[in-house]
Amino acid sequence: MSSTLPPCPQCQSEFVYADDSLLICPECVHEWPADAAAAEPEEAPVVTKDAVGNVLQDGDSVTVIKDLKIKGSSQVVKVGTKVRNIKLIGGDHDIDCRIDGIGSMQLKSEYVKKA
C-alpha cells in the first residue's frame, strides 16, 4: 500500500494523514495545509553577512572588529584578530572557527569583517 500523500516537510516521515484541510505528521506533530503540500516552494538558502554586509562563505577569512570576552575564561579575542577557514552554521553564533592561541569557538557574524 503506497500513500499518495507527500512526506512530512519537517522530518520526511511517510506516515502522514489528512484531517479535513490539514495534513498531519504523527511523528513530529507538524501540521500544514493540504493544498500547500503540492505547491510548497523550497526554502531559500540562508545568506550570512558580516558586519559591513559582505556575504560570507565556508572557507573565508575574517577579521574580528570588536574585543570579544570569552565566557568562562579570562581570555579576550582582540580587535584585528584574523580567523581563517571559517565554517558557517545555523543559529545565533553562526560562524564555527579555530583561533590560534585560543582554540575552537563560535562567533557571531555581526562582529567580524571579511578579510
PDB file of N, CA and C in Angstrom:
ATOM      1  N   MET A   1       0.841  -1.181   0.000  1.00  0.00           N
ATOM      2  CA  MET A   1       0.000   0.000   0.000  1.00  0.00           C
ATOM      3  C   MET A   1       0.885   1.244   0.000  1.00  0.00           C
ATOM      4  N   SER A   2       0.767   2.074  -1.029  1.00  0.00           N
ATOM      5  CA  SER A   2       1.578   3.282  -1.082  1.00  0.00           C
ATOM      6  C   SER A   2       0.692   4.496  -0.839  1.00  0.00           C
ATOM      7  N   SER A   3       1.217   5.443  -0.123  1.00  0.00           N
ATOM      8  CA  SER A   3       0.475   6.638   0.227  1.00  0.00           C
ATOM      9  C   SER A   3       0.591   7.657  -0.904  1.00  0.00           C
ATOM     10  N   THR A   4      -0.515   8.335  -1.218  1.00  0.00           N
ATOM     11  CA  THR A   4      -0.476   9.396  -2.220  1.00  0.00           C
ATOM     12  C   THR A   4      -0.198  10.740  -1.568  1.00  0.00           C
ATOM     13  N   LEU A   5      -0.088  10.757  -0.262  1.00  0.00           N
ATOM     14  CA  LEU A   5       0.211  11.996   0.449  1.00  0.00           C
ATOM     15  C   LEU A   5       1.720  12.228   0.455  1.00  0.00           C
ATOM     16  N   PRO A   6       2.133  13.500   0.394  1.00  0.00           N
ATOM     17  CA  PRO A   6       3.567  13.794   0.405  1.00  0.00           C
ATOM     18  C   PRO A   6       4.165  13.529   1.788  1.00  0.00           C
ATOM     19  N   PRO A   7       5.482  13.301   1.864  1.00  0.00           N
ATOM     20  CA  PRO A   7       6.105  13.116   3.180  1.00  0.00           C
ATOM     21  C   PRO A   7       6.111  14.428   3.962  1.00  0.00           C
ATOM     22  N   CYS A   8       6.294  14.310   5.248  1.00  0.00           N
ATOM     23  CA  CYS A   8       6.336  15.483   6.125  1.00  0.00           C
ATOM     24  C   CYS A   8       7.493  16.392   5.717  1.00  0.00           C
ATOM     25  N   PRO A   9       7.267  17.707   5.550  1.00  0.00           N
ATOM     26  CA  PRO A   9       8.354  18.614   5.168  1.00  0.00           C
ATOM     27  C   PRO A   9       9.374  18.840   6.291  1.00  0.00           C
ATOM     28  N   GLN A  10       9.015  18.502   7.527  1.00  0.00           N
ATOM     29  CA  GLN A  10       9.936  18.719   8.639  1.00  0.00           C
ATOM     30  C   GLN A  10      10.826  17.513   8.899  1.00  0.00           C
ATOM     31  N   CYS A  11      10.226  16.316   8.991  1.00  0.00           N
ATOM     32  CA  CYS A  11      11.011  15.135   9.366  1.00  0.00           C
ATOM     33  C   CYS A  11      11.054  14.072   8.268  1.00  0.00           C
ATOM     34  N   GLN A  12      10.410  14.332   7.127  1.00  0.00           N
ATOM     35  CA  GLN A  12      10.375  13.427   5.978  1.00  0.00           C
ATOM     36  C   GLN A  12       9.685  12.093   6.279  1.00  0.00           C
ATOM     37  N   SER A  13       8.865  12.033   7.297  1.00  0.00           N
ATOM     38  CA  SER A  13       8.139  10.819   7.643  1.00  0.00           C
ATOM     39  C   SER A  13       7.108  10.497   6.567  1.00  0.00           C
ATOM     40  N   GLU A  14       6.910   9.219   6.313  1.00  0.00           N
ATOM     41  CA  GLU A  14       5.927   8.774   5.330  1.00  0.00           C
ATOM     42  C   GLU A  14       4.551   8.560   5.954  1.00  0.00           C
ATOM     43  N   PHE A  15       4.437   8.632   7.262  1.00  0.00           N
ATOM     44  CA  PHE A  15       3.204   8.312   7.970  1.00  0.00           C
ATOM     45  C   PHE A  15       2.319   9.535   8.146  1.00  0.00           C
ATOM     46  N   VAL A  16       2.083  10.261   7.071  1.00  0.00           N
ATOM     47  CA  VAL A  16       1.270  11.473   7.094  1.00  0.00           C
ATOM     48  C   VAL A  16      -0.190  11.085   6.881  1.00  0.00           C
ATOM     49  N   TYR A  17      -1.095  11.782   7.567  1.00  0.00           N
ATOM     50  CA  TYR A  17      -2.514  11.541   7.347  1.00  0.00           C
ATOM     51  C   TYR A  17      -3.238  12.870   7.186  1.00  0.00           C
ATOM     52  N   ALA A  18      -4.398  12.825   6.546  1.00  0.00           N
ATOM     53  CA  ALA A  18      -5.195  14.021   6.280  1.00  0.00           C
ATOM     54  C   ALA A  18      -6.296  14.150   7.321  1.00  0.00           C
ATOM     55  N   ASP A  19      -6.537  15.385   7.741  1.00  0.00           N
ATOM     56  CA  ASP A  19      -7.632  15.690   8.663  1.00  0.00           C
ATOM     57  C   ASP A  19      -8.286  16.968   8.152  1.00  0.00           C
ATOM     58  N   ASP A  20      -9.446  16.842   7.509  1.00  0.00           N
ATOM     59  CA  ASP A  20     -10.117  17.952   6.832  1.00  0.00           C
ATOM     60  C   ASP A  20      -9.160  18.570   5.812  1.00  0.00           C
ATOM     61  N   SER A  21      -8.790  19.838   5.990  1.00  0.00           N
ATOM     62  CA  SER A  21      -7.923  20.506   5.014  1.00  0.00           C
ATOM     63  C   SER A  21      -6.462  20.540   5.460  1.00  0.00           C
ATOM     64  N   LEU A  22      -6.115  19.772   6.500  1.00  0.00           N
ATOM     65  CA  LEU A  22      -4.741  19.747   7.001  1.00  0.00           C
ATOM     66  C   LEU A  22      -4.103  18.385   6.785  1.00  0.00           C
ATOM     67  N   LEU A  23      -2.798  18.395   6.594  1.00  0.00           N
ATOM     68  CA  LEU A  23      -2.010  17.169   6.621  1.00  0.00           C
ATOM     69  C   LEU A  23      -1.254  17.175   7.939  1.00  0.00           C
ATOM     70  N   ILE A  24      -1.174  16.021   8.603  1.00  0.00           N
ATOM     71  CA  ILE A  24      -0.579  15.937   9.937  1.00  0.00           C
ATOM     72  C   ILE A  24       0.432  14.808   9.968  1.00  0.00           C
ATOM     73  N   CYS A  25       1.572  15.080  10.574  1.00  0.00           N
ATOM     74  CA  CYS A  25       2.610  14.069  10.764  1.00  0.00           C
ATOM     75  C   CYS A  25       2.529  13.584  12.213  1.00  0.00           C
ATOM     76  N   PRO A  26       2.286  12.306  12.441  1.00  0.00           N
ATOM     77  CA  PRO A  26       2.175  11.812  13.816  1.00  0.00           C
ATOM     78  C   PRO A  26       3.526  11.699  14.527  1.00  0.00           C
ATOM     79  N   GLU A  27       4.625  11.717  13.768  1.00  0.00           N
ATOM     80  CA  GLU A  27       5.937  11.561  14.396  1.00  0.00           C
ATOM     81  C   GLU A  27       6.460  12.864  14.990  1.00  0.00           C
ATOM     82  N   CYS A  28       6.346  13.980  14.247  1.00  0.00           N
ATOM     83  CA  CYS A  28       6.859  15.255  14.772  1.00  0.00           C
ATOM     84  C   CYS A  28       5.738  16.239  15.074  1.00  0.00           C
ATOM     85  N   VAL A  29       4.486  15.834  14.858  1.00  0.00           N
ATOM     86  CA  VAL A  29       3.286  16.611  15.136  1.00  0.00           C
ATOM     87  C   VAL A  29       3.245  17.915  14.333  1.00  0.00           C
ATOM     88  N   HIS A  30       3.842  17.903  13.150  1.00  0.00           N
ATOM     89  CA  HIS A  30       3.806  19.067  12.263  1.00  0.00           C
ATOM     90  C   HIS A  30       2.508  19.045  11.467  1.00  0.00           C
ATOM     91  N   GLU A  31       1.863  20.207  11.347  1.00  0.00           N
ATOM     92  CA  GLU A  31       0.629  20.331  10.574  1.00  0.00           C
ATOM     93  C   GLU A  31       0.841  21.374   9.491  1.00  0.00           C
ATOM     94  N   TRP A  32       0.279  21.126   8.299  1.00  0.00           N
ATOM     95  CA  TRP A  32       0.369  22.085   7.216  1.00  0.00           C
ATOM     96  C   TRP A  32      -0.847  21.915   6.319  1.00  0.00           C
ATOM     97  N   PRO A  33      -1.226  22.977   5.577  1.00  0.00           N
ATOM     98  CA  PRO A  33      -2.408  22.909   4.715  1.00  0.00           C
ATOM     99  C   PRO A  33      -2.206  21.895   3.592  1.00  0.00           C
ATOM    100  N   ALA A  34      -3.244  21.129   3.294  1.00  0.00           N
ATOM    101  CA  ALA A  34      -3.151  20.098   2.257  1.00  0.00           C
ATOM    102  C   ALA A  34      -2.958  20.715   0.882  1.00  0.00           C
ATOM    103  N   ASP A  35      -3.566  21.873   0.620  1.00  0.00           N
ATOM    104  CA  ASP A  35      -3.420  22.490  -0.696  1.00  0.00           C
ATOM    105  C   ASP A  35      -2.030  23.083  -0.907  1.00  0.00           C
ATOM    106  N   ALA A  36      -1.305  23.376   0.146  1.00  0.00           N
ATOM    107  CA  ALA A  36       0.048  23.930   0.028  1.00  0.00           C
ATOM    108  C   ALA A  36       1.091  22.840  -0.129  1.00  0.00           C
ATOM    109  N   ALA A  37       0.691  21.585   0.067  1.00  0.00           N
ATOM    110  CA  ALA A  37       1.660  20.488   0.015  1.00  0.00           C
ATOM    111  C   ALA A  37       2.269  20.333  -1.368  1.00  0.00           C
ATOM    112  N   ALA A  38       1.471  20.461  -2.396  1.00  0.00           N
ATOM    113  CA  ALA A  38       1.984  20.276  -3.751  1.00  0.00           C
ATOM    114  C   ALA A  38       2.748  21.489  -4.240  1.00  0.00           C
ATOM    115  N   ALA A  39       2.347  22.676  -3.825  1.00  0.00           N
ATOM    116  CA  ALA A  39       2.954  23.896  -4.340  1.00  0.00           C
ATOM    117  C   ALA A  39       3.926  24.535  -3.359  1.00  0.00           C
ATOM    118  N   GLU A  40       4.333  23.808  -2.329  1.00  0.00           N
ATOM    119  CA  GLU A  40       5.223  24.385  -1.321  1.00  0.00           C
ATOM    120  C   GLU A  40       6.624  24.591  -1.901  1.00  0.00           C
ATOM    121  N   PRO A  41       7.096  25.838  -1.951  1.00  0.00           N
ATOM    122  CA  PRO A  41       8.422  26.087  -2.517  1.00  0.00           C
ATOM    123  C   PRO A  41       9.530  25.667  -1.551  1.00  0.00           C
ATOM    124  N   GLU A  42      10.694  25.403  -2.101  1.00  0.00           N
ATOM    125  CA  GLU A  42      11.847  25.070  -1.279  1.00  0.00           C
ATOM    126  C   GLU A  42      12.272  26.309  -0.497  1.00  0.00           C
ATOM    127  N   GLU A  43      12.812  26.091   0.690  1.00  0.00           N
ATOM    128  CA  GLU A  43      13.302  27.207   1.483  1.00  0.00           C
ATOM    129  C   GLU A  43      14.502  27.835   0.812  1.00  0.00           C
ATOM    130  N   ALA A  44      14.563  29.154   0.852  1.00  0.00           N
ATOM    131  CA  ALA A  44      15.707  29.859   0.283  1.00  0.00           C
ATOM    132  C   ALA A  44      16.921  29.602   1.173  1.00  0.00           C
ATOM    133  N   PRO A  45      18.094  29.441   0.596  1.00  0.00           N
ATOM    134  CA  PRO A  45      19.279  29.212   1.414  1.00  0.00           C
ATOM    135  C   PRO A  45      19.571  30.432   2.296  1.00  0.00           C
ATOM    136  N   VAL A  46      20.068  30.166   3.486  1.00  0.00           N
ATOM    137  CA  VAL A  46      20.380  31.228   4.422  1.00  0.00           C
ATOM    138  C   VAL A  46      21.657  31.932   3.973  1.00  0.00           C
ATOM    139  N   VAL A  47      21.602  33.254   3.891  1.00  0.00           N
ATOM    140  CA  VAL A  47      22.759  34.041   3.497  1.00  0.00           C
ATOM    141  C   VAL A  47      23.316  34.697   4.753  1.00  0.00           C
ATOM    142  N   THR A  48      24.589  34.436   5.046  1.00  0.00           N
ATOM    143  CA  THR A  48      25.234  35.014   6.217  1.00  0.00           C
ATOM    144  C   THR A  48      26.098  36.181   5.767  1.00  0.00           C
ATOM    145  N   LYS A  49      25.885  37.333   6.404  1.00  0.00           N
ATOM    146  CA  LYS A  49      26.642  38.537   6.047  1.00  0.00           C
ATOM    147  C   LYS A  49      27.456  39.001   7.243  1.00  0.00           C
ATOM    148  N   ASP A  50      28.592  39.651   6.952  1.00  0.00           N
ATOM    149  CA  ASP A  50      29.430  40.190   8.023  1.00  0.00           C
ATOM    150  C   ASP A  50      28.884  41.542   8.478  1.00  0.00           C
ATOM    151  N   ALA A  51      29.618  42.230   9.339  1.00  0.00           N
ATOM    152  CA  ALA A  51      29.165  43.490   9.914  1.00  0.00           C
ATOM    153  C   ALA A  51      28.997  44.586   8.859  1.00  0.00           C
ATOM    154  N   VAL A  52      29.713  44.491   7.752  1.00  0.00           N
ATOM    155  CA  VAL A  52      29.677  45.509   6.705  1.00  0.00           C
ATOM    156  C   VAL A  52      28.652  45.159   5.626  1.00  0.00           C
ATOM    157  N   GLY A  53      28.207  43.913   5.578  1.00  0.00           N
ATOM    158  CA  GLY A  53      27.225  43.492   4.594  1.00  0.00           C
ATOM    159  C   GLY A  53      27.780  42.587   3.514  1.00  0.00           C
ATOM    160  N   ASN A  54      29.054  42.208   3.610  1.00  0.00           N
ATOM    161  CA  ASN A  54      29.638  41.269   2.650  1.00  0.00           C
ATOM    162  C   ASN A  54      29.105  39.867   2.927  1.00  0.00           C
ATOM    163  N   VAL A  55      28.827  39.120   1.865  1.00  0.00           N
ATOM    164  CA  VAL A  55      28.325  37.757   2.007  1.00  0.00           C
ATOM    165  C   VAL A  55      29.487  36.835   2.381  1.00  0.00           C
ATOM    166  N   LEU A  56      29.294  36.024   3.438  1.00  0.00           N
ATOM    167  CA  LEU A  56      30.327  35.096   3.890  1.00  0.00           C
ATOM    168  C   LEU A  56      30.036  33.699   3.358  1.00  0.00           C
ATOM    169  N   GLN A  57      31.119  32.938   3.109  1.00  0.00           N
ATOM    170  CA  GLN A  57      31.005  31.567   2.653  1.00  0.00           C
ATOM    171  C   GLN A  57      31.971  30.701   3.449  1.00  0.00           C
ATOM    172  N   ASP A  58      31.738  29.383   3.444  1.00  0.00           N
ATOM    173  CA  ASP A  58      32.659  28.459   4.095  1.00  0.00           C
ATOM    174  C   ASP A  58      34.049  28.640   3.507  1.00  0.00           C
ATOM    175  N   GLY A  59      35.074  28.655   4.378  1.00  0.00           N
ATOM    176  CA  GLY A  59      36.455  28.760   3.938  1.00  0.00           C
ATOM    177  C   GLY A  59      36.975  30.181   3.864  1.00  0.00           C
ATOM    178  N   ASP A  60      36.122  31.178   4.050  1.00  0.00           N
ATOM    179  CA  ASP A  60      36.569  32.575   4.018  1.00  0.00           C
ATOM    180  C   ASP A  60      37.448  32.888   5.218  1.00  0.00           C
ATOM    181  N   SER A  61      38.191  33.986   5.103  1.00  0.00           N
ATOM    182  CA  SER A  61      38.952  34.536   6.227  1.00  0.00           C
ATOM    183  C   SER A  61      38.256  35.806   6.681  1.00  0.00           C
ATOM    184  N   VAL A  62      38.178  35.996   8.001  1.00  0.00           N
ATOM    185  CA  VAL A  62      37.524  37.178   8.550  1.00  0.00           C
ATOM    186  C   VAL A  62      38.422  37.809   9.615  1.00  0.00           C
ATOM    187  N   THR A  63      38.134  39.067   9.923  1.00  0.00           N
ATOM    188  CA  THR A  63      38.849  39.798  10.962  1.00  0.00           C
ATOM    189  C   THR A  63      37.842  40.240  12.016  1.00  0.00           C
ATOM    190  N   VAL A  64      38.178  40.067  13.286  1.00  0.00           N
ATOM    191  CA  VAL A  64      37.301  40.461  14.393  1.00  0.00           C
ATOM    192  C   VAL A  64      37.326  41.980  14.510  1.00  0.00           C
ATOM    193  N   ILE A  65      36.138  42.616  14.639  1.00  0.00           N
ATOM    194  CA  ILE A  65      36.066  44.082  14.668  1.00  0.00           C
ATOM    195  C   ILE A  65      35.791  44.647  16.061  1.00  0.00           C
ATOM    196  N   LYS A  66      35.720  43.786  17.074  1.00  0.00           N
ATOM    197  CA  LYS A  66      35.419  44.229  18.441  1.00  0.00           C
ATOM    198  C   LYS A  66      36.076  43.259  19.410  1.00  0.00           C
ATOM    199  N   ASP A  67      36.607  43.760  20.532  1.00  0.00           N
ATOM    200  CA  ASP A  67      37.126  42.862  21.561  1.00  0.00           C
ATOM    201  C   ASP A  67      35.982  41.978  22.064  1.00  0.00           C
ATOM    202  N   LEU A  68      36.211  40.666  22.070  1.00  0.00           N
ATOM    203  CA  LEU A  68      35.180  39.723  22.495  1.00  0.00           C
ATOM    204  C   LEU A  68      35.661  38.940  23.699  1.00  0.00           C
ATOM    205  N   LYS A  69      34.963  39.082  24.835  1.00  0.00           N
ATOM    206  CA  LYS A  69      35.294  38.307  26.023  1.00  0.00           C
ATOM    207  C   LYS A  69      34.804  36.888  25.810  1.00  0.00           C
ATOM    208  N   ILE A  70      35.574  35.915  26.249  1.00  0.00           N
ATOM    209  CA  ILE A  70      35.191  34.515  26.121  1.00  0.00           C
ATOM    210  C   ILE A  70      34.554  34.083  27.429  1.00  0.00           C
ATOM    211  N   LYS A  71      33.315  33.606  27.339  1.00  0.00           N
ATOM    212  CA  LYS A  71      32.594  33.179  28.547  1.00  0.00           C
ATOM    213  C   LYS A  71      33.353  32.069  29.254  1.00  0.00           C
ATOM    214  N   GLY A  72      33.428  32.173  30.569  1.00  0.00           N
ATOM    215  CA  GLY A  72      34.058  31.134  31.375  1.00  0.00           C
ATOM    216  C   GLY A  72      35.566  31.174  31.332  1.00  0.00           C
ATOM    217  N   SER A  73      36.124  32.249  30.818  1.00  0.00           N
ATOM    218  CA  SER A  73      37.575  32.359  30.696  1.00  0.00           C
ATOM    219  C   SER A  73      37.968  33.821  30.882  1.00  0.00           C
ATOM    220  N   SER A  74      39.240  34.031  31.192  1.00  0.00           N
ATOM    221  CA  SER A  74      39.726  35.408  31.301  1.00  0.00           C
ATOM    222  C   SER A  74      40.320  35.880  29.980  1.00  0.00           C
ATOM    223  N   GLN A  75      40.274  35.033  28.954  1.00  0.00           N
ATOM    224  CA  GLN A  75      40.836  35.388  27.656  1.00  0.00           C
ATOM    225  C   GLN A  75      39.906  36.316  26.882  1.00  0.00           C
ATOM    226  N   VAL A  76      40.514  37.100  25.977  1.00  0.00           N
ATOM    227  CA  VAL A  76      39.770  38.024  25.128  1.00  0.00           C
ATOM    228  C   VAL A  76      40.270  37.854  23.700  1.00  0.00           C
ATOM    229  N   VAL A  77      39.336  37.829  22.749  1.00  0.00           N
ATOM    230  CA  VAL A  77      39.701  37.849  21.333  1.00  0.00           C
ATOM    231  C   VAL A  77      39.804  39.328  20.968  1.00  0.00           C
ATOM    232  N   LYS A  78      41.004  39.779  20.632  1.00  0.00           N
ATOM    233  CA  LYS A  78      41.274  41.196  20.393  1.00  0.00           C
ATOM    234  C   LYS A  78      40.800  41.652  19.019  1.00  0.00           C
ATOM    235  N   VAL A  79      40.547  42.959  18.904  1.00  0.00           N
ATOM    236  CA  VAL A  79      40.213  43.576  17.623  1.00  0.00           C
ATOM    237  C   VAL A  79      41.363  43.313  16.658  1.00  0.00           C
ATOM    238  N   GLY A  80      41.038  42.982  15.419  1.00  0.00           N
ATOM    239  CA  GLY A  80      42.063  42.753  14.406  1.00  0.00           C
ATOM    240  C   GLY A  80      42.538  41.318  14.318  1.00  0.00           C
ATOM    241  N   THR A  81      42.041  40.439  15.200  1.00  0.00           N
ATOM    242  CA  THR A  81      42.429  39.031  15.135  1.00  0.00           C
ATOM    243  C   THR A  81      41.885  38.444  13.834  1.00  0.00           C
ATOM    244  N   LYS A  82      42.777  37.829  13.054  1.00  0.00           N
ATOM    245  CA  LYS A  82      42.371  37.233  11.789  1.00  0.00           C
ATOM    246  C   LYS A  82      42.026  35.764  12.007  1.00  0.00           C
ATOM    247  N   VAL A  83      40.887  35.365  11.484  1.00  0.00           N
ATOM    248  CA  VAL A  83      40.410  33.991  11.602  1.00  0.00           C
ATOM    249  C   VAL A  83      40.303  33.433  10.186  1.00  0.00           C
ATOM    250  N   ARG A  84      40.990  32.314   9.943  1.00  0.00           N
ATOM    251  CA  ARG A  84      40.993  31.706   8.612  1.00  0.00           C
ATOM    252  C   ARG A  84      40.117  30.470   8.581  1.00  0.00           C
ATOM    253  N   ASN A  85      39.639  30.166   7.390  1.00  0.00           N
ATOM    254  CA  ASN A  85      38.907  28.928   7.118  1.00  0.00           C
ATOM    255  C   ASN A  85      37.694  28.748   8.034  1.00  0.00           C
ATOM    256  N   ILE A  86      36.772  29.714   7.976  1.00  0.00           N
ATOM    257  CA  ILE A  86      35.566  29.645   8.799  1.00  0.00           C
ATOM    258  C   ILE A  86      34.576  28.630   8.221  1.00  0.00           C
ATOM    259  N   LYS A  87      33.668  28.167   9.066  1.00  0.00           N
ATOM    260  CA  LYS A  87      32.583  27.280   8.630  1.00  0.00           C
ATOM    261  C   LYS A  87      31.280  27.906   9.100  1.00  0.00           C
ATOM    262  N   LEU A  88      30.332  28.074   8.191  1.00  0.00           N
ATOM    263  CA  LEU A  88      29.047  28.676   8.534  1.00  0.00           C
ATOM    264  C   LEU A  88      28.100  27.607   9.058  1.00  0.00           C
ATOM    265  N   ILE A  89      27.454  27.930  10.168  1.00  0.00           N
ATOM    266  CA  ILE A  89      26.486  27.028  10.796  1.00  0.00           C
ATOM    267  C   ILE A  89      25.238  27.837  11.093  1.00  0.00           C
ATOM    268  N   GLY A  90      24.152  27.184  11.406  1.00  0.00           N
ATOM    269  CA  GLY A  90      22.925  27.897  11.745  1.00  0.00           C
ATOM    270  C   GLY A  90      22.938  28.321  13.200  1.00  0.00           C
ATOM    271  N   GLY A  91      22.011  29.162  13.553  1.00  0.00           N
ATOM    272  CA  GLY A  91      21.870  29.557  14.951  1.00  0.00           C
ATOM    273  C   GLY A  91      22.337  30.967  15.221  1.00  0.00           C
ATOM    274  N   ASP A  92      22.364  31.312  16.507  1.00  0.00           N
ATOM    275  CA  ASP A  92      22.738  32.654  16.937  1.00  0.00           C
ATOM    276  C   ASP A  92      24.213  32.935  16.634  1.00  0.00           C
ATOM    277  N   HIS A  93      25.083  32.032  17.023  1.00  0.00           N
ATOM    278  CA  HIS A  93      26.503  32.129  16.713  1.00  0.00           C
ATOM    279  C   HIS A  93      26.703  31.337  15.430  1.00  0.00           C
ATOM    280  N   ASP A  94      26.764  32.046  14.303  1.00  0.00           N
ATOM    281  CA  ASP A  94      26.679  31.383  13.010  1.00  0.00           C
ATOM    282  C   ASP A  94      28.013  31.100  12.323  1.00  0.00           C
ATOM    283  N   ILE A  95      29.125  31.325  13.005  1.00  0.00           N
ATOM    284  CA  ILE A  95      30.443  31.005  12.451  1.00  0.00           C
ATOM    285  C   ILE A  95      31.165  30.065  13.407  1.00  0.00           C
ATOM    286  N   ASP A  96      31.616  28.932  12.890  1.00  0.00           N
ATOM    287  CA  ASP A  96      32.413  27.977  13.646  1.00  0.00           C
ATOM    288  C   ASP A  96      33.842  28.136  13.157  1.00  0.00           C
ATOM    289  N   CYS A  97      34.805  28.309  14.069  1.00  0.00           N
ATOM    290  CA  CYS A  97      36.176  28.573  13.641  1.00  0.00           C
ATOM    291  C   CYS A  97      37.175  28.111  14.697  1.00  0.00           C
ATOM    292  N   ARG A  98      38.429  28.222  14.333  1.00  0.00           N
ATOM    293  CA  ARG A  98      39.520  27.920  15.244  1.00  0.00           C
ATOM    294  C   ARG A  98      40.438  29.144  15.264  1.00  0.00           C
ATOM    295  N   ILE A  99      40.678  29.688  16.461  1.00  0.00           N
ATOM    296  CA  ILE A  99      41.515  30.876  16.610  1.00  0.00           C
ATOM    297  C   ILE A  99      42.835  30.454  17.244  1.00  0.00           C
ATOM    298  N   ASP A 100      43.941  30.838  16.604  1.00  0.00           N
ATOM    299  CA  ASP A 100      45.266  30.499  17.110  1.00  0.00           C
ATOM    300  C   ASP A 100      45.442  31.038  18.527  1.00  0.00           C
ATOM    301  N   GLY A 101      45.914  30.196  19.432  1.00  0.00           N
ATOM    302  CA  GLY A 101      46.151  30.579  20.814  1.00  0.00           C
ATOM    303  C   GLY A 101      44.933  30.452  21.702  1.00  0.00           C
ATOM    304  N   ILE A 102      43.762  30.269  21.122  1.00  0.00           N
ATOM    305  CA  ILE A 102      42.531  30.160  21.911  1.00  0.00           C
ATOM    306  C   ILE A 102      41.858  28.810  21.685  1.00  0.00           C
ATOM    307  N   GLY A 103      41.718  28.409  20.439  1.00  0.00           N
ATOM    308  CA  GLY A 103      41.096  27.122  20.114  1.00  0.00           C
ATOM    309  C   GLY A 103      39.807  27.278  19.352  1.00  0.00           C
ATOM    310  N   SER A 104      39.020  26.221  19.349  1.00  0.00           N
ATOM    311  CA  SER A 104      37.754  26.218  18.618  1.00  0.00           C
ATOM    312  C   SER A 104      36.718  27.048  19.345  1.00  0.00           C
ATOM    313  N   MET A 105      35.942  27.799  18.590  1.00  0.00           N
ATOM    314  CA  MET A 105      34.866  28.584  19.175  1.00  0.00           C
ATOM    315  C   MET A 105      33.887  28.996  18.093  1.00  0.00           C
ATOM    316  N   GLN A 106      32.788  29.565  18.519  1.00  0.00           N
ATOM    317  CA  GLN A 106      31.777  30.070  17.594  1.00  0.00           C
ATOM    318  C   GLN A 106      31.671  31.575  17.757  1.00  0.00           C
ATOM    319  N   LEU A 107      31.493  32.265  16.630  1.00  0.00           N
ATOM    320  CA  LEU A 107      31.388  33.719  16.626  1.00  0.00           C
ATOM    321  C   LEU A 107      30.081  34.145  15.971  1.00  0.00           C
ATOM    322  N   LYS A 108      29.643  35.345  16.293  1.00  0.00           N
ATOM    323  CA  LYS A 108      28.503  35.934  15.604  1.00  0.00           C
ATOM    324  C   LYS A 108      29.043  36.696  14.397  1.00  0.00           C
ATOM    325  N   SER A 109      28.348  36.592  13.286  1.00  0.00           N
ATOM    326  CA  SER A 109      28.812  37.247  12.058  1.00  0.00           C
ATOM    327  C   SER A 109      28.791  38.780  12.186  1.00  0.00           C
ATOM    328  N   GLU A 110      28.015  39.315  13.112  1.00  0.00           N
ATOM    329  CA  GLU A 110      27.948  40.770  13.276  1.00  0.00           C
ATOM    330  C   GLU A 110      29.221  41.364  13.885  1.00  0.00           C
ATOM    331  N   TYR A 111      30.129  40.512  14.395  1.00  0.00           N
ATOM    332  CA  TYR A 111      31.365  41.006  14.993  1.00  0.00           C
ATOM    333  C   TYR A 111      32.599  40.706  14.151  1.00  0.00           C
ATOM    334  N   VAL A 112      32.401  40.353  12.893  1.00  0.00           N
ATOM    335  CA  VAL A 112      33.531  40.078  12.011  1.00  0.00           C
ATOM    336  C   VAL A 112      33.358  40.836  10.692  1.00  0.00           C
ATOM    337  N   LYS A 113      34.505  41.017  10.004  1.00  0.00           N
ATOM    338  CA  LYS A 113      34.527  41.653   8.694  1.00  0.00           C
ATOM    339  C   LYS A 113      35.324  40.753   7.768  1.00  0.00           C
ATOM    340  N   LYS A 114      34.833  40.550   6.552  1.00  0.00           N
ATOM    341  CA  LYS A 114      35.513  39.693   5.598  1.00  0.00           C
ATOM    342  C   LYS A 114      36.890  40.273   5.286  1.00  0.00           C
ATOM    343  N   ALA A 115      37.907  39.424   5.328  1.00  0.00           N
ATOM    344  CA  ALA A 115      39.285  39.886   5.095  1.00  0.00           C
ATOM    345  C   ALA A 115      39.623  39.855   3.617  1.00  0.00           C
TER     346      ALA A 115
END
